Amino acid sequence: GTFLAIMLGTLGGAMMIHLELPMMYIGLQLFCIALLGLLTSFFIPPIPLGSKRLTINFNWLVEMKRLYAYSHDNERVFKAILGIAWFWLVGTIILSQLPSLAKGVLNVEEQVFILLLLLFTLGIGLGSILCNKLLKGEVSTRFVPFLSFLLIPFLFDLASFNAPMGGGALSLSSFLMSFQGLHLAFDILRLSFIGGLYIVPLYAFIQSQVFHSRRSQIMAFSSILNAGFMVMASVLSFCLL
């Protein structure tokens, strides 16, 4: 659900730019979506406190050190957290470079870029859903190393698209009729599908391995690390461009 929301948000943003909607309309739409999120949050069922003695320390450096110590108590959990952060780093680089690849390198129309985003969303969604069926409900990370290595050839293949696909800006129909276009679309779909298979077991593993009283704090540390890796990916993309 989280991945689909992120991808659909990215897709919706790209479509609004493509349709050249007024800024007032876009701002109002964002406000309504935020309000809907707030209203939905009131329907989250209450759950018992995991740690009744927990106190919030507003010194974020001390709090980060404590969260790091909690996460590092179990080495396998800490490696899973790093694996998730690595996924977000790679995903952020791909997503941030995709518009430049589509417009500046491949010279395709915006509809093609929107299609690639849609395929990215579809792939992650399918991978996440089928993950449970492939593992038969078992919480296991045994396939994660294999899946991370499986991403490498597809990433190299994606990097091979380094020249314009036609004389002018390639339309969506021409893109889908060409071998190169179908090849690129299949690469994006494969990458995102493997990404969905890769990420779900790691999240499930962390939540099943940590104490109930520390689960939310370790997930919070994971989210902080993810954000840090995504910022680093954005900075790297900026420097490379």
C-alpha atoms as a PDB file:
ATOM      1  CA  GLY A   1       0.000   0.000   0.000  1.00  0.00           C
ATOM      2  CA  THR A   2       2.811   2.423   0.868  1.00  0.00           C
ATOM      3  CA  PHE A   3       4.705   1.744  -2.366  1.00  0.00           C
ATOM      4  CA  LEU A   4       1.560   2.004  -4.474  1.00  0.00           C
ATOM      5  CA  ALA A   5       0.659   5.315  -2.785  1.00  0.00           C
ATOM      6  CA  ILE A   6       4.144   6.730  -3.474  1.00  0.00           C
ATOM      7  CA  MET A   7       4.123   5.585  -7.086  1.00  0.00           C
ATOM      8  CA  LEU A   8       0.538   6.740  -7.739  1.00  0.00           C
ATOM      9  CA  GLY A   9       1.440  10.124  -6.209  1.00  0.00           C
ATOM     10  CA  THR A  10       4.446  10.393  -8.535  1.00  0.00           C
ATOM     11  CA  LEU A  11       2.293   9.314 -11.466  1.00  0.00           C
ATOM     12  CA  GLY A  12      -0.459  11.791 -10.535  1.00  0.00           C
ATOM     13  CA  GLY A  13       2.101  14.617 -10.251  1.00  0.00           C
ATOM     14  CA  ALA A  14       3.523  13.807 -13.687  1.00  0.00           C
ATOM     15  CA  MET A  15       0.036  13.749 -15.220  1.00  0.00           C
ATOM     16  CA  MET A  16      -0.883  17.108 -13.641  1.00  0.00           C
ATOM     17  CA  ILE A  17       2.279  18.645 -15.124  1.00  0.00           C
ATOM     18  CA  HIS A  18       1.464  17.058 -18.494  1.00  0.00           C
ATOM     19  CA  LEU A  19      -2.121  18.411 -18.411  1.00  0.00           C
ATOM     20  CA  GLU A  20      -0.779  21.873 -17.386  1.00  0.00           C
ATOM     21  CA  LEU A  21      -3.302  22.250 -14.568  1.00  0.00           C
ATOM     22  CA  PRO A  22      -3.432  25.616 -12.724  1.00  0.00           C
ATOM     23  CA  MET A  23      -1.377  25.831  -9.531  1.00  0.00           C
ATOM     24  CA  MET A  24      -4.488  26.767  -7.528  1.00  0.00           C
ATOM     25  CA  TYR A  25      -6.163  23.512  -8.574  1.00  0.00           C
ATOM     26  CA  ILE A  26      -3.069  21.446  -7.719  1.00  0.00           C
ATOM     27  CA  GLY A  27      -2.757  23.139  -4.300  1.00  0.00           C
ATOM     28  CA  LEU A  28      -6.444  22.550  -3.531  1.00  0.00           C
ATOM     29  CA  GLN A  29      -6.128  18.916  -4.548  1.00  0.00           C
ATOM     30  CA  LEU A  30      -3.102  18.412  -2.264  1.00  0.00           C
ATOM     31  CA  PHE A  31      -4.996  20.047   0.630  1.00  0.00           C
ATOM     32  CA  CYS A  32      -8.007  17.749   0.105  1.00  0.00           C
ATOM     33  CA  ILE A  33      -5.795  14.635  -0.003  1.00  0.00           C
ATOM     34  CA  ALA A  34      -4.032  15.735   3.215  1.00  0.00           C
ATOM     35  CA  LEU A  35      -7.420  16.373   4.864  1.00  0.00           C
ATOM     36  CA  LEU A  36      -8.635  12.938   3.772  1.00  0.00           C
ATOM     37  CA  GLY A  37      -5.539  11.411   5.375  1.00  0.00           C
ATOM     38  CA  LEU A  38      -6.225  13.273   8.624  1.00  0.00           C
ATOM     39  CA  LEU A  39      -9.879  12.162   8.698  1.00  0.00           C
ATOM     40  CA  THR A  40      -8.901   8.555   7.946  1.00  0.00           C
ATOM     41  CA  SER A  41      -6.433   8.565  10.855  1.00  0.00           C
ATOM     42  CA  PHE A  42      -9.321   8.987  13.325  1.00  0.00           C
ATOM     43  CA  PHE A  43     -10.620   5.540  12.292  1.00  0.00           C
ATOM     44  CA  ILE A  44      -7.398   3.692  13.186  1.00  0.00           C
ATOM     45  CA  PRO A  45      -8.394   1.249  15.962  1.00  0.00           C
ATOM     46  CA  PRO A  46      -6.670   1.789  19.326  1.00  0.00           C
ATOM     47  CA  ILE A  47      -3.996  -0.705  20.384  1.00  0.00           C
ATOM     48  CA  PRO A  48      -2.465  -1.312  23.832  1.00  0.00           C
ATOM     49  CA  LEU A  49       0.775   0.451  24.684  1.00  0.00           C
ATOM     50  CA  GLY A  50       3.829  -1.648  23.887  1.00  0.00           C
ATOM     51  CA  SER A  51       6.001   0.177  26.410  1.00  0.00           C
ATOM     52  CA  LYS A  52       4.179   2.018  29.196  1.00  0.00           C
ATOM     53  CA  ARG A  53       7.398   3.470  30.649  1.00  0.00           C
ATOM     54  CA  LEU A  54       8.564   5.018  27.374  1.00  0.00           C
ATOM     55  CA  THR A  55       9.484   8.705  27.597  1.00  0.00           C
ATOM     56  CA  ILE A  56      10.201  10.899  24.580  1.00  0.00           C
ATOM     57  CA  ASN A  57      13.564  12.626  24.639  1.00  0.00           C
ATOM     58  CA  PHE A  58      13.539  15.875  22.648  1.00  0.00           C
ATOM     59  CA  ASN A  59      17.337  15.724  22.263  1.00  0.00           C
ATOM     60  CA  TRP A  60      17.227  14.013  18.870  1.00  0.00           C
ATOM     61  CA  LEU A  61      20.954  13.127  18.842  1.00  0.00           C
ATOM     62  CA  VAL A  62      20.640  11.193  22.098  1.00  0.00           C
ATOM     63  CA  GLU A  63      17.413   9.599  20.847  1.00  0.00           C
ATOM     64  CA  MET A  64      19.076   8.544  17.572  1.00  0.00           C
ATOM     65  CA  LYS A  65      21.947   6.964  19.512  1.00  0.00           C
ATOM     66  CA  ARG A  66      19.456   5.023  21.639  1.00  0.00           C
ATOM     67  CA  LEU A  67      17.471   3.861  18.606  1.00  0.00           C
ATOM     68  CA  TYR A  68      20.704   2.784  16.897  1.00  0.00           C
ATOM     69  CA  ALA A  69      21.659   0.762  19.983  1.00  0.00           C
ATOM     70  CA  TYR A  70      18.224  -0.926  20.017  1.00  0.00           C
ATOM     71  CA  SER A  71      18.518  -1.791  16.324  1.00  0.00           C
ATOM     72  CA  HIS A  72      22.073  -3.082  16.696  1.00  0.00           C
ATOM     73  CA  ASP A  73      21.143  -5.518  19.487  1.00  0.00           C
ATOM     74  CA  ASN A  74      20.145  -8.025  16.803  1.00  0.00           C
ATOM     75  CA  GLU A  75      22.692  -8.041  13.965  1.00  0.00           C
ATOM     76  CA  ARG A  76      20.293  -9.725  11.511  1.00  0.00           C
ATOM     77  CA  VAL A  77      17.651  -7.062  12.163  1.00  0.00           C
ATOM     78  CA  PHE A  78      20.220  -4.290  11.651  1.00  0.00           C
ATOM     79  CA  LYS A  79      21.299  -5.828   8.328  1.00  0.00           C
ATOM     80  CA  ALA A  80      17.647  -5.998   7.264  1.00  0.00           C
ATOM     81  CA  ILE A  81      17.268  -2.285   8.106  1.00  0.00           C
ATOM     82  CA  LEU A  82      20.334  -1.509   5.958  1.00  0.00           C
ATOM     83  CA  GLY A  83      18.901  -3.669   3.167  1.00  0.00           C
ATOM     84  CA  ILE A  84      15.669  -1.649   3.196  1.00  0.00           C
ATOM     85  CA  ALA A  85      17.601   1.651   3.176  1.00  0.00           C
ATOM     86  CA  TRP A  86      19.656   0.408   0.201  1.00  0.00           C
ATOM     87  CA  PHE A  87      16.401  -0.371  -1.664  1.00  0.00           C
ATOM     88  CA  TRP A  88      15.170   3.194  -1.118  1.00  0.00           C
ATOM     89  CA  LEU A  89      18.533   4.594  -2.246  1.00  0.00           C
ATOM     90  CA  VAL A  90      18.460   2.655  -5.532  1.00  0.00           C
ATOM     91  CA  GLY A  91      14.746   3.365  -6.044  1.00  0.00           C
ATOM     92  CA  THR A  92      15.220   7.105  -5.474  1.00  0.00           C
ATOM     93  CA  ILE A  93      18.100   7.237  -7.964  1.00  0.00           C
ATOM     94  CA  ILE A  94      16.044   5.420 -10.622  1.00  0.00           C
ATOM     95  CA  LEU A  95      12.963   7.595 -10.075  1.00  0.00           C
ATOM     96  CA  SER A  96      14.938  10.853  -9.998  1.00  0.00           C
ATOM     97  CA  GLN A  97      16.833   9.933 -13.197  1.00  0.00           C
ATOM     98  CA  LEU A  98      13.799   8.605 -15.096  1.00  0.00           C
ATOM     99  CA  PRO A  99      12.538  12.037 -16.278  1.00  0.00           C
ATOM    100  CA  SER A 100      16.059  12.987 -17.449  1.00  0.00           C
ATOM    101  CA  LEU A 101      16.447   9.622 -19.178  1.00  0.00           C
ATOM    102  CA  ALA A 102      13.074   9.932 -20.928  1.00  0.00           C
ATOM    103  CA  LYS A 103      13.358  13.550 -22.066  1.00  0.00           C
ATOM    104  CA  GLY A 104      17.089  14.329 -22.214  1.00  0.00           C
ATOM    105  CA  VAL A 105      18.508  11.012 -23.428  1.00  0.00           C
ATOM    106  CA  LEU A 106      15.829   8.886 -25.121  1.00  0.00           C
ATOM    107  CA  ASN A 107      13.905  11.902 -26.483  1.00  0.00           C
ATOM    108  CA  VAL A 108      10.408  10.507 -25.903  1.00  0.00           C
ATOM    109  CA  GLU A 109       7.135  12.298 -25.245  1.00  0.00           C
ATOM    110  CA  GLU A 110       5.721  12.751 -21.714  1.00  0.00           C
ATOM    111  CA  GLN A 111       3.142   9.999 -22.255  1.00  0.00           C
ATOM    112  CA  VAL A 112       6.027   7.507 -22.486  1.00  0.00           C
ATOM    113  CA  PHE A 113       7.451   8.732 -19.167  1.00  0.00           C
ATOM    114  CA  ILE A 114       4.001   8.348 -17.564  1.00  0.00           C
ATOM    115  CA  LEU A 115       3.772   4.791 -18.959  1.00  0.00           C
ATOM    116  CA  LEU A 116       7.181   3.930 -17.441  1.00  0.00           C
ATOM    117  CA  LEU A 117       6.018   5.244 -14.053  1.00  0.00           C
ATOM    118  CA  LEU A 118       2.829   3.184 -14.378  1.00  0.00           C
ATOM    119  CA  LEU A 119       4.885   0.051 -15.137  1.00  0.00           C
ATOM    120  CA  PHE A 120       7.101   0.797 -12.125  1.00  0.00           C
ATOM    121  CA  THR A 121       3.989   0.991  -9.924  1.00  0.00           C
ATOM    122  CA  LEU A 122       2.507  -2.164 -11.415  1.00  0.00           C
ATOM    123  CA  GLY A 123       5.759  -4.123 -10.971  1.00  0.00           C
ATOM    124  CA  ILE A 124       6.202  -3.228  -7.297  1.00  0.00           C
ATOM    125  CA  GLY A 125       2.539  -3.971  -6.595  1.00  0.00           C
ATOM    126  CA  LEU A 126       2.694  -7.399  -8.289  1.00  0.00           C
ATOM    127  CA  GLY A 127       5.978  -8.281  -6.569  1.00  0.00           C
ATOM    128  CA  SER A 128       4.619  -7.305  -3.148  1.00  0.00           C
ATOM    129  CA  ILE A 129       1.403  -9.301  -3.616  1.00  0.00           C
ATOM    130  CA  LEU A 130       3.019 -12.429  -5.080  1.00  0.00           C
ATOM    131  CA  CYS A 131       5.741 -12.438  -2.418  1.00  0.00           C
ATOM    132  CA  ASN A 132       3.396 -14.010   0.132  1.00  0.00           C
ATOM    133  CA  LYS A 133       2.345 -16.722  -2.328  1.00  0.00           C
ATOM    134  CA  LEU A 134       5.940 -17.564  -3.284  1.00  0.00           C
ATOM    135  CA  LEU A 135       7.033 -17.808   0.367  1.00  0.00           C
ATOM    136  CA  LYS A 136       3.755 -19.597   1.292  1.00  0.00           C
ATOM    137  CA  GLY A 137       3.139 -17.233   4.212  1.00  0.00           C
ATOM    138  CA  GLU A 138       6.558 -17.868   5.803  1.00  0.00           C
ATOM    139  CA  VAL A 139       8.543 -14.896   7.142  1.00  0.00           C
ATOM    140  CA  SER A 140      11.945 -15.536   5.564  1.00  0.00           C
ATOM    141  CA  THR A 141      14.777 -13.518   4.014  1.00  0.00           C
ATOM    142  CA  ARG A 142      16.529 -16.456   2.336  1.00  0.00           C
ATOM    143  CA  PHE A 143      15.795 -15.182  -1.194  1.00  0.00           C
ATOM    144  CA  VAL A 144      16.731 -11.540  -0.479  1.00  0.00           C
ATOM    145  CA  PRO A 145      20.498 -11.814  -1.322  1.00  0.00           C
ATOM    146  CA  PHE A 146      19.676 -13.623  -4.580  1.00  0.00           C
ATOM    147  CA  LEU A 147      17.103 -10.976  -5.518  1.00  0.00           C
ATOM    148  CA  SER A 148      19.556  -8.123  -4.819  1.00  0.00           C
ATOM    149  CA  PHE A 149      22.103  -9.731  -7.170  1.00  0.00           C
ATOM    150  CA  LEU A 150      19.356 -10.349  -9.731  1.00  0.00           C
ATOM    151  CA  LEU A 151      18.775  -6.576  -9.915  1.00  0.00           C
ATOM    152  CA  ILE A 152      22.346  -5.983 -11.167  1.00  0.00           C
ATOM    153  CA  PRO A 153      22.052  -7.278 -14.774  1.00  0.00           C
ATOM    154  CA  PHE A 154      18.731  -5.460 -15.229  1.00  0.00           C
ATOM    155  CA  LEU A 155      20.258  -2.208 -13.936  1.00  0.00           C
ATOM    156  CA  PHE A 156      23.169  -2.605 -16.378  1.00  0.00           C
ATOM    157  CA  ASP A 157      20.692  -3.311 -19.166  1.00  0.00           C
ATOM    158  CA  LEU A 158      18.749  -0.164 -18.233  1.00  0.00           C
ATOM    159  CA  ALA A 159      21.996   1.841 -18.399  1.00  0.00           C
ATOM    160  CA  SER A 160      22.530   0.662 -21.993  1.00  0.00           C
ATOM    161  CA  PHE A 161      19.708   2.990 -23.151  1.00  0.00           C
ATOM    162  CA  ASN A 162      21.984   5.974 -23.721  1.00  0.00           C
ATOM    163  CA  ALA A 163      20.917   7.372 -27.128  1.00  0.00           C
ATOM    164  CA  PRO A 164      17.756   8.909 -28.669  1.00  0.00           C
ATOM    165  CA  MET A 165      15.198   6.368 -29.873  1.00  0.00           C
ATOM    166  CA  GLY A 166      14.280   8.376 -32.966  1.00  0.00           C
ATOM    167  CA  GLY A 167      14.880  11.518 -34.984  1.00  0.00           C
ATOM    168  CA  GLY A 168      12.216  13.528 -33.141  1.00  0.00           C
ATOM    169  CA  ALA A 169      10.357  13.106 -29.857  1.00  0.00           C
ATOM    170  CA  LEU A 170       9.039   9.531 -29.937  1.00  0.00           C
ATOM    171  CA  SER A 171       5.288   9.166 -29.374  1.00  0.00           C
ATOM    172  CA  LEU A 172       3.728   6.532 -27.107  1.00  0.00           C
ATOM    173  CA  SER A 173       2.398   4.471 -30.030  1.00  0.00           C
ATOM    174  CA  SER A 174       5.803   4.504 -31.794  1.00  0.00           C
ATOM    175  CA  PHE A 175       7.504   3.598 -28.505  1.00  0.00           C
ATOM    176  CA  LEU A 176       5.238   0.575 -28.016  1.00  0.00           C
ATOM    177  CA  MET A 177       5.727  -0.515 -31.638  1.00  0.00           C
ATOM    178  CA  SER A 178       9.534  -0.508 -31.409  1.00  0.00           C
ATOM    179  CA  PHE A 179      11.742  -3.318 -30.074  1.00  0.00           C
ATOM    180  CA  GLN A 180      13.773  -0.845 -28.011  1.00  0.00           C
ATOM    181  CA  GLY A 181      10.624   0.568 -26.438  1.00  0.00           C
ATOM    182  CA  LEU A 182       9.296  -2.844 -25.431  1.00  0.00           C
ATOM    183  CA  HIS A 183      12.766  -3.790 -24.171  1.00  0.00           C
ATOM    184  CA  LEU A 184      12.908  -0.714 -21.917  1.00  0.00           C
ATOM    185  CA  ALA A 185       9.338  -1.227 -20.684  1.00  0.00           C
ATOM    186  CA  PHE A 186      10.137  -4.846 -19.815  1.00  0.00           C
ATOM    187  CA  ASP A 187      13.319  -3.768 -17.984  1.00  0.00           C
ATOM    188  CA  ILE A 188      11.372  -1.299 -15.817  1.00  0.00           C
ATOM    189  CA  LEU A 189       8.701  -3.918 -15.088  1.00  0.00           C
ATOM    190  CA  ARG A 190      11.285  -6.579 -14.160  1.00  0.00           C
ATOM    191  CA  LEU A 191      13.250  -4.211 -11.916  1.00  0.00           C
ATOM    192  CA  SER A 192      10.195  -3.050  -9.987  1.00  0.00           C
ATOM    193  CA  PHE A 193       8.773  -6.591  -9.729  1.00  0.00           C
ATOM    194  CA  ILE A 194      12.017  -7.889  -8.192  1.00  0.00           C
ATOM    195  CA  GLY A 195      12.063  -4.812  -5.935  1.00  0.00           C
ATOM    196  CA  GLY A 196       8.611  -5.742  -4.596  1.00  0.00           C
ATOM    197  CA  LEU A 197       9.756  -9.314  -3.925  1.00  0.00           C
ATOM    198  CA  TYR A 198      12.933  -7.999  -2.250  1.00  0.00           C
ATOM    199  CA  ILE A 199      11.491  -5.420   0.138  1.00  0.00           C
ATOM    200  CA  VAL A 200       8.423  -7.107   1.680  1.00  0.00           C
ATOM    201  CA  PRO A 201      10.275  -9.993   3.439  1.00  0.00           C
ATOM    202  CA  LEU A 202      12.715  -7.505   5.015  1.00  0.00           C
ATOM    203  CA  TYR A 203       9.921  -5.428   6.557  1.00  0.00           C
ATOM    204  CA  ALA A 204       8.142  -8.578   7.755  1.00  0.00           C
ATOM    205  CA  PHE A 205      11.374  -9.990   9.188  1.00  0.00           C
ATOM    206  CA  ILE A 206      12.124  -6.859  11.252  1.00  0.00           C
ATOM    207  CA  GLN A 207       8.624  -6.725  12.716  1.00  0.00           C
ATOM    208  CA  SER A 208       8.654 -10.427  13.623  1.00  0.00           C
ATOM    209  CA  GLN A 209      12.117 -10.425  15.225  1.00  0.00           C
ATOM    210  CA  VAL A 210      12.056  -7.439  17.592  1.00  0.00           C
ATOM    211  CA  PHE A 211      10.426  -7.116  21.018  1.00  0.00           C
ATOM    212  CA  HIS A 212       6.891  -5.723  21.045  1.00  0.00           C
ATOM    213  CA  SER A 213       8.003  -2.929  23.374  1.00  0.00           C
ATOM    214  CA  ARG A 214      10.679  -1.764  20.900  1.00  0.00           C
ATOM    215  CA  ARG A 215       9.034  -2.518  17.559  1.00  0.00           C
ATOM    216  CA  SER A 216       7.745   0.996  16.805  1.00  0.00           C
ATOM    217  CA  GLN A 217      11.057   2.570  17.809  1.00  0.00           C
ATOM    218  CA  ILE A 218      13.079   0.253  15.575  1.00  0.00           C
ATOM    219  CA  MET A 219      10.667   0.880  12.681  1.00  0.00           C
ATOM    220  CA  ALA A 220      11.113   4.612  13.357  1.00  0.00           C
ATOM    221  CA  PHE A 221      14.898   4.207  13.171  1.00  0.00           C
ATOM    222  CA  SER A 222      14.462   2.336   9.885  1.00  0.00           C
ATOM    223  CA  SER A 223      12.346   5.207   8.506  1.00  0.00           C
ATOM    224  CA  ILE A 224      14.961   7.780   9.571  1.00  0.00           C
ATOM    225  CA  LEU A 225      17.692   5.750   7.871  1.00  0.00           C
ATOM    226  CA  ASN A 226      15.537   5.400   4.726  1.00  0.00           C
ATOM    227  CA  ALA A 227      15.062   9.178   4.616  1.00  0.00           C
ATOM    228  CA  GLY A 228      18.821   9.705   5.022  1.00  0.00           C
ATOM    229  CA  PHE A 229      19.620   7.295   2.196  1.00  0.00           C
ATOM    230  CA  MET A 230      16.988   8.943  -0.050  1.00  0.00           C
ATOM    231  CA  VAL A 231      18.477  12.390   0.595  1.00  0.00           C
ATOM    232  CA  MET A 232      21.928  10.971  -0.167  1.00  0.00           C
ATOM    233  CA  ALA A 233      20.568   9.460  -3.401  1.00  0.00           C
ATOM    234  CA  SER A 234      19.062  12.810  -4.415  1.00  0.00           C
ATOM    235  CA  VAL A 235      22.362  14.608  -3.733  1.00  0.00           C
ATOM    236  CA  LEU A 236      24.270  11.965  -5.727  1.00  0.00           C
ATOM    237  CA  SER A 237      21.821  12.279  -8.629  1.00  0.00           C
ATOM    238  CA  PHE A 238      22.184  16.079  -8.558  1.00  0.00           C
ATOM    239  CA  CYS A 239      25.996  15.819  -8.599  1.00  0.00           C
ATOM    240  CA  LEU A 240      26.009  13.237 -11.416  1.00  0.00           C
ATOM    241  CA  LEU A 241      23.662  15.343 -13.549  1.00  0.00           C
END
